[in-house]
Amino acid sequence: MTIAVFPGSFDPLTNGHLDLITRASRLVDQLVVVVGQNTAKTGVFTPEERMAFIQQSVQQLPNVTVRIESGLTVDFMHAMHATILIRGLRNSTDFEYEQGIAGMNRHLDATIETVCLMADARYQFVSSSLLREVAKFGGDLTGLVPPAVATALQARLGSGN
């Protein structure tokens, strides 16, 4: 059985993330989406909230599960018996960043293969920081995030908060 891990902060979950999750789920027997803690960022949503948004959004994908993890991805992958690490790429900046991470993961465990999926053109401009900025000023998030995430972002960050 082929098990893959798709780690990310998912803060917030975007439709681009969901597109990658759906596409990755077709490539493997089991996909574990891992809500991680990015130590370089301050989160808008708790890991539990992010996990709930993802679980709600992937209910139709029977081979996808969601977990929270705070350690090294390779250690989590060992525990899950996963051999494939899924990453998404929007642009050349993402490629350079992911290239370094893939190299470190290969150094830590040469059996792990990193598979990068190109973001759908509809979502290549979408980033968490842009979404937070748009939400803060009450902008329209339709089509960029699931409706529940849009509502939560507006409530958490919207004008007057």
C-alpha atoms as a PDB file:
ATOM      1  CA  MET A   1       0.000   0.000   0.000  1.00  0.00           C
ATOM      2  CA  THR A   2       1.364   3.417  -0.976  1.00  0.00           C
ATOM      3  CA  ILE A   3       1.002   6.017   1.772  1.00  0.00           C
ATOM      4  CA  ALA A   4       1.759   9.681   1.198  1.00  0.00           C
ATOM      5  CA  VAL A   5       1.904  12.644   3.546  1.00  0.00           C
ATOM      6  CA  PHE A   6       0.908  16.178   2.575  1.00  0.00           C
ATOM      7  CA  PRO A   7       2.121  18.514   5.326  1.00  0.00           C
ATOM      8  CA  GLY A   8       1.350  22.194   5.661  1.00  0.00           C
ATOM      9  CA  SER A   9       0.242  24.885   8.023  1.00  0.00           C
ATOM     10  CA  PHE A  10      -3.088  25.301   6.165  1.00  0.00           C
ATOM     11  CA  ASP A  11      -3.666  28.637   7.919  1.00  0.00           C
ATOM     12  CA  PRO A  12      -6.053  29.177   6.282  1.00  0.00           C
ATOM     13  CA  LEU A  13      -7.094  26.192   4.191  1.00  0.00           C
ATOM     14  CA  THR A  14      -7.494  27.333   0.578  1.00  0.00           C
ATOM     15  CA  ASN A  15      -9.217  25.917  -2.468  1.00  0.00           C
ATOM     16  CA  GLY A  16      -5.717  25.525  -3.897  1.00  0.00           C
ATOM     17  CA  HIS A  17      -4.859  23.215  -0.989  1.00  0.00           C
ATOM     18  CA  LEU A  18      -8.073  21.262  -1.584  1.00  0.00           C
ATOM     19  CA  ASP A  19      -7.262  20.897  -5.278  1.00  0.00           C
ATOM     20  CA  LEU A  20      -3.824  19.494  -4.415  1.00  0.00           C
ATOM     21  CA  ILE A  21      -5.300  17.152  -1.781  1.00  0.00           C
ATOM     22  CA  THR A  22      -7.863  15.839  -4.293  1.00  0.00           C
ATOM     23  CA  ARG A  23      -5.258  15.315  -7.002  1.00  0.00           C
ATOM     24  CA  ALA A  24      -2.760  13.693  -4.625  1.00  0.00           C
ATOM     25  CA  SER A  25      -5.444  11.350  -3.278  1.00  0.00           C
ATOM     26  CA  ARG A  26      -5.760   9.866  -6.778  1.00  0.00           C
ATOM     27  CA  LEU A  27      -2.052   8.999  -6.883  1.00  0.00           C
ATOM     28  CA  VAL A  28      -1.781   6.934  -3.692  1.00  0.00           C
ATOM     29  CA  ASP A  29      -3.686   4.393  -1.650  1.00  0.00           C
ATOM     30  CA  GLN A  30      -3.751   6.565   1.465  1.00  0.00           C
ATOM     31  CA  LEU A  31      -3.075  10.287   1.871  1.00  0.00           C
ATOM     32  CA  VAL A  32      -2.442  11.759   5.301  1.00  0.00           C
ATOM     33  CA  VAL A  33      -2.852  15.528   5.419  1.00  0.00           C
ATOM     34  CA  VAL A  34      -0.724  16.819   8.270  1.00  0.00           C
ATOM     35  CA  VAL A  35      -1.473  20.109   9.967  1.00  0.00           C
ATOM     36  CA  GLY A  36       1.896  21.279  11.153  1.00  0.00           C
ATOM     37  CA  GLN A  37       3.192  24.165  13.160  1.00  0.00           C
ATOM     38  CA  ASN A  38       5.254  26.653  11.181  1.00  0.00           C
ATOM     39  CA  THR A  39       7.532  28.096  13.847  1.00  0.00           C
ATOM     40  CA  ALA A  40       8.192  31.144  11.651  1.00  0.00           C
ATOM     41  CA  LYS A  41       4.520  32.166  11.532  1.00  0.00           C
ATOM     42  CA  THR A  42       1.832  33.203  13.987  1.00  0.00           C
ATOM     43  CA  GLY A  43      -1.386  31.327  13.269  1.00  0.00           C
ATOM     44  CA  VAL A  44      -4.863  32.745  12.807  1.00  0.00           C
ATOM     45  CA  PHE A  45      -6.524  29.415  13.582  1.00  0.00           C
ATOM     46  CA  THR A  46      -5.536  26.751  16.086  1.00  0.00           C
ATOM     47  CA  PRO A  47      -4.272  23.442  14.700  1.00  0.00           C
ATOM     48  CA  GLU A  48      -7.542  21.861  15.837  1.00  0.00           C
ATOM     49  CA  GLU A  49      -9.588  24.446  13.905  1.00  0.00           C
ATOM     50  CA  ARG A  50      -7.465  23.916  10.797  1.00  0.00           C
ATOM     51  CA  MET A  51      -7.858  20.154  11.098  1.00  0.00           C
ATOM     52  CA  ALA A  52     -11.643  20.536  11.386  1.00  0.00           C
ATOM     53  CA  PHE A  53     -11.789  22.724   8.249  1.00  0.00           C
ATOM     54  CA  ILE A  54      -9.831  20.121   6.292  1.00  0.00           C
ATOM     55  CA  GLN A  55     -11.859  17.172   7.606  1.00  0.00           C
ATOM     56  CA  GLN A  56     -15.089  18.944   6.683  1.00  0.00           C
ATOM     57  CA  SER A  57     -13.762  19.680   3.193  1.00  0.00           C
ATOM     58  CA  VAL A  58     -12.417  16.200   2.333  1.00  0.00           C
ATOM     59  CA  GLN A  59     -15.304  14.055   3.553  1.00  0.00           C
ATOM     60  CA  GLN A  60     -15.889  12.807  -0.004  1.00  0.00           C
ATOM     61  CA  LEU A  61     -12.319  11.457  -0.245  1.00  0.00           C
ATOM     62  CA  PRO A  62     -12.326   8.066   1.557  1.00  0.00           C
ATOM     63  CA  ASN A  63      -8.562   7.576   1.387  1.00  0.00           C
ATOM     64  CA  VAL A  64      -7.716  10.919   3.033  1.00  0.00           C
ATOM     65  CA  THR A  65      -7.166  11.352   6.766  1.00  0.00           C
ATOM     66  CA  VAL A  66      -6.076  14.431   8.696  1.00  0.00           C
ATOM     67  CA  ARG A  67      -3.658  14.612  11.607  1.00  0.00           C
ATOM     68  CA  ILE A  68      -1.866  17.251  13.667  1.00  0.00           C
ATOM     69  CA  GLU A  69       1.888  16.941  14.127  1.00  0.00           C
ATOM     70  CA  SER A  70       4.570  19.160  15.583  1.00  0.00           C
ATOM     71  CA  GLY A  71       7.792  17.233  15.004  1.00  0.00           C
ATOM     72  CA  LEU A  72       9.923  16.455  11.981  1.00  0.00           C
ATOM     73  CA  THR A  73       7.917  15.362   8.961  1.00  0.00           C
ATOM     74  CA  VAL A  74      10.265  12.427   8.317  1.00  0.00           C
ATOM     75  CA  ASP A  75       9.645  11.106  11.842  1.00  0.00           C
ATOM     76  CA  PHE A  76       5.894  11.354  11.287  1.00  0.00           C
ATOM     77  CA  MET A  77       6.295   9.583   7.955  1.00  0.00           C
ATOM     78  CA  HIS A  78       8.173   6.730   9.635  1.00  0.00           C
ATOM     79  CA  ALA A  79       5.351   6.341  12.157  1.00  0.00           C
ATOM     80  CA  MET A  80       2.777   6.260   9.334  1.00  0.00           C
ATOM     81  CA  HIS A  81       4.907   3.961   7.094  1.00  0.00           C
ATOM     82  CA  ALA A  82       4.672   6.654   4.402  1.00  0.00           C
ATOM     83  CA  THR A  83       7.220   6.854   1.613  1.00  0.00           C
ATOM     84  CA  ILE A  84       5.959   9.800  -0.451  1.00  0.00           C
ATOM     85  CA  LEU A  85       5.935  13.437   0.590  1.00  0.00           C
ATOM     86  CA  ILE A  86       3.512  15.605  -1.390  1.00  0.00           C
ATOM     87  CA  ARG A  87       4.238  19.305  -1.883  1.00  0.00           C
ATOM     88  CA  GLY A  88       2.545  21.981  -3.949  1.00  0.00           C
ATOM     89  CA  LEU A  89       4.306  24.515  -6.145  1.00  0.00           C
ATOM     90  CA  ARG A  90       2.800  27.831  -7.227  1.00  0.00           C
ATOM     91  CA  ASN A  91       5.896  29.490  -8.677  1.00  0.00           C
ATOM     92  CA  SER A  92       9.693  29.472  -8.888  1.00  0.00           C
ATOM     93  CA  THR A  93      10.018  30.858  -5.352  1.00  0.00           C
ATOM     94  CA  ASP A  94       8.103  27.852  -4.025  1.00  0.00           C
ATOM     95  CA  PHE A  95      10.336  25.567  -6.103  1.00  0.00           C
ATOM     96  CA  GLU A  96      13.535  26.923  -4.572  1.00  0.00           C
ATOM     97  CA  TYR A  97      12.097  26.696  -1.050  1.00  0.00           C
ATOM     98  CA  GLU A  98      10.809  23.144  -1.595  1.00  0.00           C
ATOM     99  CA  GLN A  99      14.085  22.075  -3.220  1.00  0.00           C
ATOM    100  CA  GLY A 100      15.927  22.817   0.030  1.00  0.00           C
ATOM    101  CA  ILE A 101      13.349  20.992   2.139  1.00  0.00           C
ATOM    102  CA  ALA A 102      13.414  17.979  -0.193  1.00  0.00           C
ATOM    103  CA  GLY A 103      17.197  17.864   0.049  1.00  0.00           C
ATOM    104  CA  MET A 104      17.119  17.919   3.841  1.00  0.00           C
ATOM    105  CA  ASN A 105      14.422  15.239   3.968  1.00  0.00           C
ATOM    106  CA  ARG A 106      16.469  13.066   1.603  1.00  0.00           C
ATOM    107  CA  HIS A 107      19.479  13.580   3.870  1.00  0.00           C
ATOM    108  CA  LEU A 108      17.414  12.496   6.881  1.00  0.00           C
ATOM    109  CA  ASP A 109      15.903   9.501   5.063  1.00  0.00           C
ATOM    110  CA  ALA A 110      16.930   8.518   1.548  1.00  0.00           C
ATOM    111  CA  THR A 111      13.822   6.334   1.127  1.00  0.00           C
ATOM    112  CA  ILE A 112      11.439   9.310   1.142  1.00  0.00           C
ATOM    113  CA  GLU A 113      10.481  10.651  -2.277  1.00  0.00           C
ATOM    114  CA  THR A 114       9.186  14.191  -2.582  1.00  0.00           C
ATOM    115  CA  VAL A 115       6.526  14.603  -5.258  1.00  0.00           C
ATOM    116  CA  CYS A 116       5.672  18.169  -6.233  1.00  0.00           C
ATOM    117  CA  LEU A 117       2.351  18.998  -7.839  1.00  0.00           C
ATOM    118  CA  MET A 118       1.937  22.229  -9.745  1.00  0.00           C
ATOM    119  CA  ALA A 119      -0.838  24.440  -8.446  1.00  0.00           C
ATOM    120  CA  ASP A 120      -3.820  24.855 -10.704  1.00  0.00           C
ATOM    121  CA  ALA A 121      -3.572  28.170 -12.579  1.00  0.00           C
ATOM    122  CA  ARG A 122      -6.753  29.352 -10.813  1.00  0.00           C
ATOM    123  CA  TYR A 123      -4.898  29.334  -7.481  1.00  0.00           C
ATOM    124  CA  GLN A 124      -1.290  30.200  -8.317  1.00  0.00           C
ATOM    125  CA  PHE A 125      -1.654  33.728  -6.949  1.00  0.00           C
ATOM    126  CA  VAL A 126      -3.302  32.646  -3.694  1.00  0.00           C
ATOM    127  CA  SER A 127      -1.238  32.780  -0.511  1.00  0.00           C
ATOM    128  CA  SER A 128      -2.247  32.640   3.129  1.00  0.00           C
ATOM    129  CA  SER A 129      -0.846  36.106   3.794  1.00  0.00           C
ATOM    130  CA  LEU A 130      -2.830  37.621   0.906  1.00  0.00           C
ATOM    131  CA  LEU A 131      -6.007  35.918   2.078  1.00  0.00           C
ATOM    132  CA  ARG A 132      -5.549  37.210   5.615  1.00  0.00           C
ATOM    133  CA  GLU A 133      -5.049  40.732   4.260  1.00  0.00           C
ATOM    134  CA  VAL A 134      -8.175  40.544   2.098  1.00  0.00           C
ATOM    135  CA  ALA A 135     -10.209  39.186   5.029  1.00  0.00           C
ATOM    136  CA  LYS A 136      -8.937  41.909   7.333  1.00  0.00           C
ATOM    137  CA  PHE A 137     -10.390  44.565   5.044  1.00  0.00           C
ATOM    138  CA  GLY A 138     -13.615  42.709   4.274  1.00  0.00           C
ATOM    139  CA  GLY A 139     -12.723  41.681   0.714  1.00  0.00           C
ATOM    140  CA  ASP A 140     -14.422  38.918  -1.227  1.00  0.00           C
ATOM    141  CA  LEU A 141     -12.893  35.467  -0.661  1.00  0.00           C
ATOM    142  CA  THR A 142     -15.414  33.611  -2.835  1.00  0.00           C
ATOM    143  CA  GLY A 143     -13.796  30.822  -4.804  1.00  0.00           C
ATOM    144  CA  LEU A 144     -10.493  31.084  -2.928  1.00  0.00           C
ATOM    145  CA  VAL A 145     -11.354  29.286   0.316  1.00  0.00           C
ATOM    146  CA  PRO A 146     -14.178  26.976   1.409  1.00  0.00           C
ATOM    147  CA  PRO A 147     -17.243  28.951   2.600  1.00  0.00           C
ATOM    148  CA  ALA A 148     -16.748  27.944   6.257  1.00  0.00           C
ATOM    149  CA  VAL A 149     -13.158  29.197   6.135  1.00  0.00           C
ATOM    150  CA  ALA A 150     -14.247  32.498   4.543  1.00  0.00           C
ATOM    151  CA  THR A 151     -16.802  33.043   7.302  1.00  0.00           C
ATOM    152  CA  ALA A 152     -14.296  32.193  10.031  1.00  0.00           C
ATOM    153  CA  LEU A 153     -11.586  34.409   8.512  1.00  0.00           C
ATOM    154  CA  GLN A 154     -13.931  37.373   8.228  1.00  0.00           C
ATOM    155  CA  ALA A 155     -15.096  36.865  11.824  1.00  0.00           C
ATOM    156  CA  ARG A 156     -11.557  36.526  13.158  1.00  0.00           C
ATOM    157  CA  LEU A 157      -9.829  39.220  11.094  1.00  0.00           C
ATOM    158  CA  GLY A 158     -12.529  41.444   9.618  1.00  0.00           C
ATOM    159  CA  SER A 159     -12.670  45.202  10.065  1.00  0.00           C
ATOM    160  CA  GLY A 160     -13.406  46.246  13.609  1.00  0.00           C
ATOM    161  CA  ASN A 161     -11.766  43.189  15.191  1.00  0.00           C
END
